[in-house]
Amino acid sequence: MYAVIVGAGEVGFHIATILSQEGHEVAVIDRRRESTERASQELDVLAVLGNGASRRVLEQVSMGRADLLVAVTDSDEVNMIACMAAKQVGVPQTIARVRNPDYIEDKRTLSTGFMGVDHVIQPEAAVADEVVKLAGIPGALDVETFAHGQVLVVEVQAAPSSPSLHTPLRGLKLPPGVLVAAVLKVGGEVVIPRGESALEPGDRVFLSGVPGGVVAAAATLTGQKETPKRAILLGCGEIGMAVARSLEEKRVKLTVFEKDAQRAAEAAAALRRSLVLADEGIDENVLAAEGVADSDLFIAATGDDRLNILTSLLARQMGARRTIAIVERTEFSRVVESVGVDVAISPRRMTASAILRFVRSGRVLSAAVLDKAAGELLEFEVGPTSPICDRSLADVDFPSGAIIGALVSGSEVHIPSGRSLVKEGDLAVVFTLPRSVREVERLFSPRTAR
């Protein structure tokens, strides 16, 4: 596949990294010389200095053979124009990142009149959804849903006092319909565990299966069972407001800080059960007065990475039980959780996850890139000509770096075994390490006629 990426910022660079490492041909276009130089020096890509919304530039770069254009600049308008221009030069599939809700009719469709954009990615909406999902599962570090909500994948870290530590996985009393799909070790290695594998202190565990069972297993491992009743939110931008509305629906008692007086007034008018304060929310005395020590959850979503990190650390130090920070920049997101913030959510990763769904071979219904380069979660629909169709898993040469975390047949969710038969129309939720992605794609892709 030949992919053209317009915009070499954090998101564009991350997508280019994933695709180039998998052996795809990638071209990156950006108007900033420092961005193209970085891409050229660090990645195996064609880096072009220029206007990615220019038909002339796109014609030169695509050379009549590009399969995909992804536009992820900081400008919605540039992204949409780039997609329109790409269509004019023959690019068959286009994806645009669009942040302004005024352009959107629903979560995936642009308003009438913007021809040429096949798919829309809204990272802010995805981040807000992720915050709410994390808030609903105590101790969760990452939450992904698949198969129309029938399958849940949750990442947790076992509590130091958990009886599950040092116990072989086959001896764990997990709820029915739950599997330990993968383990991220302290040193950064990701392993597909076997029955004799045991969890060690500091391991991060990926649980897969039926939602009720996964939530119960997560509670057992982390020792956390209470969902938040009181929360503090810093920032009333698009992400903050979406989070606030969702938390209100869940009857969470919410205090919101917003330094911009006009935006704070608008939030106060829109939120019915929350206390909105026109304040930065960084003063210890103010935070103490508003009960940060008694809060179950502190969320920093100001749009400023440094402020989000520092206020989350301060809130944790003052007694907040759990902290979530929105962190865009790569150099920050890699270390923020190691210094005391419970969860760092990356809009960059959320955008990459949404785009990968359209890049992967086979009938991919959804995809998720896991943090810390742990791997990917892919949901496939089994087609009639897929090599895996109508075969038991014991007879399939499944890659060692991947595992089917759940198999869904209609309304039934199964944790597969070697005897499981994969049938047409089944939904398979697959955890795969980066090295095994291509092999997994091959198993679920239609056979090509000879």
Protein backbone atom coordinates (compact mmCIF):
# COMPACT_ATOMS: atom_id res chain seq x y z
CA MET A 1 0.00 0.00 0.00
CA TYR A 2 1.13 3.53 -0.82
CA ALA A 3 -0.13 6.11 1.70
CA VAL A 4 0.21 9.88 1.52
CA ILE A 5 0.02 11.72 4.84
CA VAL A 6 -0.64 15.46 4.85
CA GLY A 7 0.64 16.94 8.11
CA ALA A 8 3.79 15.74 9.88
CA GLY A 9 2.92 16.84 13.39
CA GLU A 10 2.55 14.45 16.31
CA VAL A 11 -0.39 12.55 14.77
CA GLY A 12 0.94 12.41 11.21
CA PHE A 13 4.41 11.38 12.36
CA HIS A 14 2.94 8.61 14.53
CA ILE A 15 0.82 7.21 11.68
CA ALA A 16 3.78 7.38 9.30
CA THR A 17 5.88 5.51 11.86
CA ILE A 18 3.39 2.65 12.15
CA LEU A 19 2.90 2.27 8.40
CA SER A 20 6.57 2.54 7.45
CA GLN A 21 7.62 0.03 10.11
CA GLU A 22 5.17 -2.45 8.60
CA GLY A 23 6.78 -2.09 5.19
CA HIS A 24 4.21 0.17 3.53
CA GLU A 25 5.34 2.91 1.16
CA VAL A 26 4.68 6.29 2.80
CA ALA A 27 4.96 9.91 1.69
CA VAL A 28 4.65 12.79 4.18
CA ILE A 29 3.82 16.38 3.15
CA ASP A 30 4.20 19.38 5.44
CA ARG A 31 4.81 23.11 5.03
CA ARG A 32 7.22 23.21 7.98
CA ARG A 33 10.81 22.38 7.12
CA GLU A 34 11.61 21.09 10.62
CA SER A 35 8.75 18.58 10.39
CA THR A 36 9.79 17.18 7.01
CA GLU A 37 13.43 17.01 8.10
CA ARG A 38 12.46 15.06 11.20
CA ALA A 39 10.39 12.60 9.14
CA SER A 40 13.18 12.19 6.59
CA GLN A 41 15.85 11.59 9.22
CA GLU A 42 13.94 9.27 11.54
CA LEU A 43 11.64 7.31 9.19
CA ASP A 44 11.88 5.40 5.95
CA VAL A 45 9.46 7.74 4.13
CA LEU A 46 9.41 10.27 1.31
CA ALA A 47 9.25 13.67 3.02
CA VAL A 48 8.03 16.57 0.88
CA LEU A 49 8.12 20.24 1.84
CA GLY A 50 4.99 21.84 0.42
CA ASN A 51 1.27 22.49 0.59
CA GLY A 52 -0.60 19.21 1.00
CA ALA A 53 -3.85 20.84 -0.14
CA SER A 54 -2.34 21.75 -3.51
CA ARG A 55 -3.50 19.61 -6.40
CA ARG A 56 -0.14 20.12 -8.11
CA VAL A 57 1.80 18.89 -5.08
CA LEU A 58 -0.51 15.91 -4.54
CA GLU A 59 -0.27 14.94 -8.21
CA GLN A 60 3.52 14.94 -8.00
CA VAL A 61 3.59 12.94 -4.75
CA SER A 62 0.81 10.43 -5.46
CA MET A 63 2.14 9.71 -8.98
CA GLY A 64 -1.19 8.19 -9.91
CA ARG A 65 -0.73 5.17 -7.64
CA ALA A 66 -1.45 6.29 -4.07
CA ASP A 67 -3.99 4.04 -2.32
CA LEU A 68 -4.78 6.32 0.61
CA LEU A 69 -4.51 9.95 1.71
CA VAL A 70 -4.68 10.89 5.39
CA ALA A 71 -4.97 14.61 6.18
CA VAL A 72 -4.12 15.43 9.80
CA THR A 73 -2.88 19.04 9.80
CA ASP A 74 -4.01 21.46 12.52
CA SER A 75 -6.51 23.03 10.10
CA ASP A 76 -9.87 21.33 9.42
CA GLU A 77 -10.23 23.32 6.21
CA VAL A 78 -6.81 22.29 4.89
CA ASN A 79 -7.59 18.65 5.70
CA MET A 80 -10.88 18.74 3.80
CA ILE A 81 -9.40 20.55 0.80
CA ALA A 82 -6.51 18.07 0.70
CA CYS A 83 -9.00 15.19 0.50
CA MET A 84 -10.95 16.90 -2.27
CA ALA A 85 -7.76 17.55 -4.23
CA ALA A 86 -6.64 13.95 -3.69
CA LYS A 87 -9.85 12.67 -5.24
CA GLN A 88 -9.21 14.86 -8.27
CA VAL A 89 -5.82 13.22 -8.83
CA GLY A 90 -7.22 9.70 -8.44
CA VAL A 91 -6.59 8.70 -4.82
CA PRO A 92 -9.33 6.11 -4.06
CA GLN A 93 -9.62 6.55 -0.26
CA THR A 94 -9.32 9.70 1.84
CA ILE A 95 -9.44 10.37 5.58
CA ALA A 96 -9.60 13.79 7.23
CA ARG A 97 -9.20 14.81 10.84
CA VAL A 98 -11.99 17.32 11.55
CA ARG A 99 -12.30 18.94 14.97
CA ASN A 100 -14.95 21.64 14.48
CA PRO A 101 -18.37 20.14 15.23
CA ASP A 102 -19.98 22.71 12.93
CA TYR A 103 -18.73 20.67 9.98
CA ILE A 104 -20.15 17.38 11.29
CA GLU A 105 -23.67 16.00 10.84
CA ASP A 106 -22.94 12.93 12.97
CA LYS A 107 -19.84 11.24 14.35
CA ARG A 108 -18.66 9.99 10.96
CA THR A 109 -20.24 12.19 8.29
CA LEU A 110 -19.37 15.66 7.08
CA SER A 111 -22.12 18.16 6.41
CA THR A 112 -23.54 18.15 2.89
CA GLY A 113 -21.30 19.89 0.35
CA PHE A 114 -17.85 18.58 1.37
CA MET A 115 -17.30 16.07 -1.39
CA GLY A 116 -14.14 13.99 -1.52
CA VAL A 117 -13.80 13.09 2.17
CA ASP A 118 -14.50 9.38 2.61
CA HIS A 119 -13.96 9.13 6.36
CA VAL A 120 -13.89 11.64 9.21
CA ILE A 121 -11.81 11.27 12.36
CA GLN A 122 -12.78 13.30 15.45
CA PRO A 123 -10.04 12.79 18.07
CA GLU A 124 -11.65 15.06 20.65
CA ALA A 125 -14.84 13.00 20.67
CA ALA A 126 -12.82 9.78 20.93
CA VAL A 127 -10.79 11.16 23.86
CA ALA A 128 -13.94 12.21 25.71
CA ASP A 129 -15.42 8.74 25.21
CA GLU A 130 -12.22 7.18 26.53
CA VAL A 131 -12.25 9.33 29.68
CA VAL A 132 -15.83 8.33 30.43
CA LYS A 133 -15.10 4.62 29.86
CA LEU A 134 -12.08 4.81 32.18
CA ALA A 135 -14.16 6.55 34.84
CA GLY A 136 -16.69 3.72 34.72
CA ILE A 137 -14.18 0.93 35.43
CA PRO A 138 -12.16 1.46 38.62
CA GLY A 139 -8.44 0.87 38.14
CA ALA A 140 -8.61 0.65 34.34
CA LEU A 141 -5.65 2.07 32.39
CA ASP A 142 -7.21 1.53 28.97
CA VAL A 143 -10.68 0.42 27.84
CA GLU A 144 -11.75 -0.76 24.39
CA THR A 145 -15.13 -2.15 23.28
CA PHE A 146 -15.78 -4.45 20.32
CA ALA A 147 -18.54 -6.47 18.67
CA HIS A 148 -21.26 -3.88 19.31
CA GLY A 149 -20.41 -3.78 23.01
CA GLN A 150 -20.42 -7.55 23.48
CA VAL A 151 -16.65 -7.73 24.08
CA LEU A 152 -14.63 -5.59 26.48
CA VAL A 153 -10.83 -5.33 26.64
CA VAL A 154 -9.40 -3.65 29.72
CA GLU A 155 -5.80 -2.94 30.71
CA VAL A 156 -5.07 -2.98 34.46
CA GLN A 157 -2.12 -3.21 36.79
CA ALA A 158 -2.41 -5.75 39.58
CA ALA A 159 -2.24 -4.31 43.08
CA PRO A 160 0.94 -5.19 45.02
CA SER A 161 -1.20 -7.08 47.52
CA SER A 162 -3.23 -8.96 44.90
CA PRO A 163 -3.40 -12.72 45.53
CA SER A 164 -3.20 -13.16 41.75
CA LEU A 165 0.52 -12.34 41.76
CA HIS A 166 2.97 -15.23 41.41
CA THR A 167 0.07 -17.60 40.62
CA PRO A 168 0.08 -19.52 37.29
CA LEU A 169 -2.68 -18.16 35.05
CA ARG A 170 -4.35 -21.55 34.83
CA GLY A 171 -4.80 -21.33 38.60
CA LEU A 172 -6.48 -17.91 38.58
CA LYS A 173 -10.17 -18.01 39.32
CA LEU A 174 -11.24 -15.70 36.52
CA PRO A 175 -14.97 -15.20 35.87
CA PRO A 176 -16.43 -17.25 33.01
CA GLY A 177 -15.86 -15.71 29.60
CA VAL A 178 -12.64 -13.86 30.53
CA LEU A 179 -9.11 -14.34 29.18
CA VAL A 180 -5.73 -12.82 30.01
CA ALA A 181 -4.85 -11.92 26.43
CA ALA A 182 -1.46 -10.28 26.99
CA VAL A 183 0.89 -8.97 29.66
CA LEU A 184 3.09 -5.87 29.46
CA LYS A 185 6.12 -6.59 31.63
CA VAL A 186 7.90 -3.95 33.72
CA GLY A 187 10.82 -3.85 31.29
CA GLY A 188 8.52 -3.05 28.36
CA GLU A 189 8.29 -6.53 26.82
CA VAL A 190 4.81 -7.66 25.79
CA VAL A 191 4.10 -11.38 26.03
CA ILE A 192 1.23 -13.62 25.00
CA PRO A 193 0.99 -15.67 28.22
CA ARG A 194 0.52 -19.42 28.58
CA GLY A 195 -1.20 -21.35 31.33
CA GLU A 196 2.00 -21.69 33.34
CA SER A 197 2.80 -17.97 33.08
CA ALA A 198 2.51 -15.97 36.30
CA LEU A 199 1.91 -12.29 36.96
CA GLU A 200 4.69 -10.32 38.62
CA PRO A 201 4.51 -7.01 40.54
CA GLY A 202 4.24 -4.10 38.11
CA ASP A 203 2.86 -6.18 35.23
CA ARG A 204 0.08 -4.59 33.19
CA VAL A 205 -2.58 -7.10 32.20
CA PHE A 206 -4.94 -7.04 29.20
CA LEU A 207 -8.22 -8.75 30.04
CA SER A 208 -10.61 -9.73 27.24
CA GLY A 209 -14.12 -11.15 27.27
CA VAL A 210 -17.71 -10.48 28.27
CA PRO A 211 -18.10 -7.03 29.87
CA GLY A 212 -19.45 -8.12 33.26
CA GLY A 213 -16.76 -10.74 33.70
CA VAL A 214 -13.95 -8.42 32.62
CA VAL A 215 -15.06 -5.69 35.04
CA ALA A 216 -15.21 -8.23 37.87
CA ALA A 217 -11.75 -9.61 37.00
CA ALA A 218 -10.33 -6.08 36.86
CA ALA A 219 -11.72 -5.34 40.32
CA THR A 220 -10.14 -8.52 41.68
CA LEU A 221 -6.72 -7.68 40.25
CA THR A 222 -6.65 -4.01 41.22
CA GLY A 223 -8.62 -4.15 44.45
CA GLN A 224 -10.67 -1.16 43.23
CA LYS A 225 -14.44 -1.58 43.01
CA GLU A 226 -16.10 1.79 43.61
CA THR A 227 -17.03 3.95 40.63
CA PRO A 228 -16.47 7.70 41.14
CA LYS A 229 -19.11 9.73 42.97
CA ARG A 230 -17.19 13.02 43.15
CA ALA A 231 -14.94 14.39 40.41
CA ILE A 232 -13.01 17.55 39.52
CA LEU A 233 -12.53 18.57 35.89
CA LEU A 234 -9.98 21.10 34.71
CA GLY A 235 -10.84 22.67 31.34
CA CYS A 236 -14.08 23.34 29.45
CA GLY A 237 -12.97 22.91 25.85
CA GLU A 238 -14.58 20.42 23.49
CA ILE A 239 -13.13 17.46 25.38
CA GLY A 240 -13.94 18.89 28.79
CA MET A 241 -17.55 19.69 27.97
CA ALA A 242 -18.16 16.25 26.46
CA VAL A 243 -16.70 14.64 29.58
CA ALA A 244 -18.73 16.89 31.89
CA ARG A 245 -22.02 16.07 30.16
CA SER A 246 -21.34 12.34 30.33
CA LEU A 247 -20.37 12.47 34.00
CA GLU A 248 -23.53 14.42 34.78
CA GLU A 249 -25.57 11.68 33.10
CA LYS A 250 -23.89 9.20 35.44
CA ARG A 251 -24.90 11.34 38.44
CA VAL A 252 -21.31 12.16 39.38
CA LYS A 253 -21.01 15.25 41.60
CA LEU A 254 -18.76 17.43 39.47
CA THR A 255 -16.73 20.59 40.02
CA VAL A 256 -15.38 22.26 36.87
CA PHE A 257 -12.54 24.79 36.64
CA GLU A 258 -12.22 27.02 33.54
CA LYS A 259 -9.93 30.06 33.48
CA ASP A 260 -11.70 31.75 30.56
CA ALA A 261 -14.63 33.68 32.07
CA GLN A 262 -16.82 33.58 28.97
CA ARG A 263 -16.29 29.87 28.43
CA ALA A 264 -16.96 29.25 32.13
CA ALA A 265 -20.25 31.15 31.88
CA GLU A 266 -21.27 29.11 28.83
CA ALA A 267 -20.40 25.88 30.65
CA ALA A 268 -22.38 26.93 33.72
CA ALA A 269 -25.43 27.55 31.52
CA ALA A 270 -25.06 24.19 29.74
CA LEU A 271 -24.35 22.01 32.78
CA ARG A 272 -27.32 21.52 35.09
CA ARG A 273 -25.86 19.70 38.10
CA SER A 274 -22.22 20.80 38.14
CA LEU A 275 -20.44 23.64 39.91
CA VAL A 276 -18.46 25.70 37.38
CA LEU A 277 -15.74 28.06 38.65
CA ALA A 278 -14.01 30.73 36.55
CA ASP A 279 -10.57 29.85 37.88
CA GLU A 280 -7.37 28.21 36.63
CA GLY A 281 -7.63 25.48 39.25
CA ILE A 282 -3.91 25.41 39.97
CA ASP A 283 -3.87 27.04 43.40
CA GLU A 284 -3.55 24.55 46.26
CA ASN A 285 -5.80 26.58 48.55
CA VAL A 286 -8.56 26.74 45.94
CA LEU A 287 -8.29 23.02 45.18
CA ALA A 288 -8.36 22.21 48.88
CA ALA A 289 -11.42 24.38 49.40
CA GLU A 290 -13.23 22.58 46.58
CA GLY A 291 -12.53 19.17 48.11
CA VAL A 292 -9.79 17.70 45.96
CA ALA A 293 -8.76 15.50 48.88
CA ASP A 294 -12.20 13.86 48.86
CA SER A 295 -12.50 13.54 45.07
CA ASP A 296 -12.63 10.11 43.49
CA LEU A 297 -11.42 11.37 40.13
CA PHE A 298 -9.41 14.37 38.85
CA ILE A 299 -9.37 15.00 35.08
CA ALA A 300 -7.05 17.56 33.47
CA ALA A 301 -8.21 18.51 29.96
CA THR A 302 -7.00 22.07 29.45
CA GLY A 303 -5.25 21.66 26.08
CA ASP A 304 -1.89 22.39 27.73
CA ASP A 305 0.14 19.21 28.29
CA ARG A 306 2.38 20.69 30.97
CA LEU A 307 -0.52 22.14 32.92
CA ASN A 308 -2.45 18.87 32.69
CA ILE A 309 0.49 16.89 34.00
CA LEU A 310 1.41 19.29 36.81
CA THR A 311 -2.15 19.74 38.08
CA SER A 312 -2.76 15.98 37.99
CA LEU A 313 0.37 15.41 40.06
CA LEU A 314 -0.70 18.14 42.47
CA ALA A 315 -4.20 16.67 42.80
CA ARG A 316 -2.78 13.23 43.46
CA GLN A 317 -0.42 14.63 46.08
CA MET A 318 -3.36 16.39 47.77
CA GLY A 319 -5.38 13.17 48.01
CA ALA A 320 -7.34 12.64 44.78
CA ARG A 321 -7.89 8.90 44.45
CA ARG A 322 -7.37 8.76 40.70
CA THR A 323 -6.02 11.18 38.08
CA ILE A 324 -6.39 11.32 34.30
CA ALA A 325 -4.39 13.75 32.14
CA ILE A 326 -4.85 14.47 28.43
CA VAL A 327 -1.34 14.50 26.97
CA GLU A 328 -0.68 15.16 23.28
CA ARG A 329 3.10 15.29 22.97
CA THR A 330 4.96 12.01 22.57
CA GLU A 331 7.88 12.93 24.81
CA PHE A 332 5.45 13.63 27.67
CA SER A 333 3.03 10.73 27.26
CA ARG A 334 5.81 8.13 27.44
CA VAL A 335 6.85 9.07 30.98
CA VAL A 336 3.87 10.78 32.59
CA GLU A 337 2.40 7.64 34.16
CA SER A 338 5.77 6.72 35.66
CA VAL A 339 5.89 9.95 37.67
CA GLY A 340 2.55 9.57 39.41
CA VAL A 341 -0.33 10.33 37.02
CA ASP A 342 -2.62 7.29 36.93
CA VAL A 343 -3.66 7.50 33.27
CA ALA A 344 -2.38 9.61 30.38
CA ILE A 345 -4.70 9.70 27.37
CA SER A 346 -3.13 10.49 24.01
CA PRO A 347 -5.29 12.07 21.28
CA ARG A 348 -2.48 11.06 18.91
CA ARG A 349 -3.00 7.39 19.72
CA MET A 350 -6.79 7.68 19.48
CA THR A 351 -6.49 9.19 16.00
CA ALA A 352 -4.08 6.50 14.87
CA SER A 353 -6.46 3.82 16.12
CA ALA A 354 -9.33 5.26 14.12
CA ILE A 355 -7.25 5.49 10.95
CA LEU A 356 -5.81 1.97 11.21
CA ARG A 357 -9.27 0.53 10.74
CA PHE A 358 -9.17 1.72 7.13
CA VAL A 359 -5.56 0.68 6.55
CA ARG A 360 -5.71 -2.94 7.66
CA SER A 361 -6.45 -5.77 5.21
CA GLY A 362 -9.48 -8.00 5.71
CA ARG A 363 -12.89 -7.02 7.03
CA VAL A 364 -11.69 -4.84 9.92
CA LEU A 365 -14.63 -3.40 11.86
CA SER A 366 -12.58 -1.57 14.50
CA ALA A 367 -8.98 -1.15 15.60
CA ALA A 368 -7.08 0.18 18.59
CA VAL A 369 -3.41 1.04 18.96
CA LEU A 370 -2.28 0.26 22.49
CA ASP A 371 -0.08 2.64 24.40
CA LYS A 372 3.64 2.14 24.89
CA ALA A 373 3.80 0.31 21.52
CA ALA A 374 2.25 -2.73 23.21
CA GLY A 375 0.47 -3.84 20.04
CA GLU A 376 -2.91 -3.57 18.38
CA LEU A 377 -6.43 -4.81 18.94
CA LEU A 378 -8.26 -5.65 15.72
CA GLU A 379 -11.85 -6.74 15.24
CA PHE A 380 -12.35 -8.84 12.10
CA GLU A 381 -15.49 -10.17 10.48
CA VAL A 382 -14.73 -13.61 9.07
CA GLY A 383 -15.42 -13.75 5.34
CA PRO A 384 -16.32 -16.89 3.37
CA THR A 385 -12.96 -16.98 1.57
CA SER A 386 -10.73 -16.06 4.53
CA PRO A 387 -8.04 -18.73 5.13
CA ILE A 388 -9.27 -19.09 8.73
CA CYS A 389 -12.92 -19.70 7.79
CA ASP A 390 -14.44 -23.15 8.53
CA ARG A 391 -11.32 -24.32 10.35
CA SER A 392 -10.66 -25.14 13.98
CA LEU A 393 -8.00 -22.99 15.58
CA ALA A 394 -5.85 -26.05 16.28
CA ASP A 395 -5.52 -26.48 12.51
CA VAL A 396 -4.59 -22.85 11.87
CA ASP A 397 -0.96 -21.74 11.81
CA PHE A 398 -1.75 -18.75 14.03
CA PRO A 399 1.25 -16.47 14.67
CA SER A 400 2.89 -16.78 18.07
CA GLY A 401 2.73 -13.03 18.55
CA ALA A 402 -1.06 -12.88 18.41
CA ILE A 403 -4.10 -14.35 20.13
CA ILE A 404 -7.85 -14.32 19.56
CA GLY A 405 -9.17 -12.75 22.75
CA ALA A 406 -12.83 -13.42 21.97
CA LEU A 407 -14.92 -15.02 19.25
CA VAL A 408 -18.47 -13.78 18.73
CA SER A 409 -21.13 -15.84 16.94
CA GLY A 410 -24.37 -13.90 16.81
CA SER A 411 -25.18 -13.03 20.41
CA GLU A 412 -22.79 -15.58 21.93
CA VAL A 413 -19.30 -14.64 23.10
CA HIS A 414 -16.73 -17.43 23.38
CA ILE A 415 -13.21 -17.55 24.75
CA PRO A 416 -11.73 -19.72 22.00
CA SER A 417 -9.74 -22.90 22.44
CA GLY A 418 -7.97 -25.11 19.94
CA ARG A 419 -11.27 -26.91 19.28
CA SER A 420 -13.12 -23.70 18.39
CA LEU A 421 -14.43 -23.62 14.81
CA VAL A 422 -14.28 -20.25 13.09
CA LYS A 423 -17.30 -19.69 10.85
CA GLU A 424 -18.35 -17.17 8.26
CA GLY A 425 -19.83 -14.06 9.87
CA ASP A 426 -18.08 -14.60 13.21
CA LEU A 427 -16.42 -11.59 14.81
CA ALA A 428 -12.89 -12.18 16.07
CA VAL A 429 -11.20 -9.76 18.49
CA VAL A 430 -7.46 -10.25 18.02
CA PHE A 431 -4.59 -8.96 20.13
CA THR A 432 -1.43 -8.80 18.01
CA LEU A 433 2.12 -7.66 18.55
CA PRO A 434 3.49 -5.39 15.81
CA ARG A 435 5.60 -8.18 14.33
CA SER A 436 2.55 -10.39 13.73
CA VAL A 437 0.14 -7.86 12.19
CA ARG A 438 0.75 -8.90 8.58
CA GLU A 439 0.28 -12.61 9.35
CA VAL A 440 -2.99 -11.90 11.17
CA GLU A 441 -4.21 -9.80 8.25
CA ARG A 442 -3.46 -12.65 5.86
CA LEU A 443 -5.57 -15.11 7.88
CA PHE A 444 -8.62 -12.84 7.79
CA SER A 445 -8.25 -11.42 4.27
CA PRO A 446 -10.17 -12.89 1.30
CA ARG A 447 -8.22 -15.41 -0.73
CA THR A 448 -7.10 -13.96 -4.05
CA ALA A 449 -8.03 -15.82 -7.21
CA ARG A 450 -5.18 -17.37 -9.16
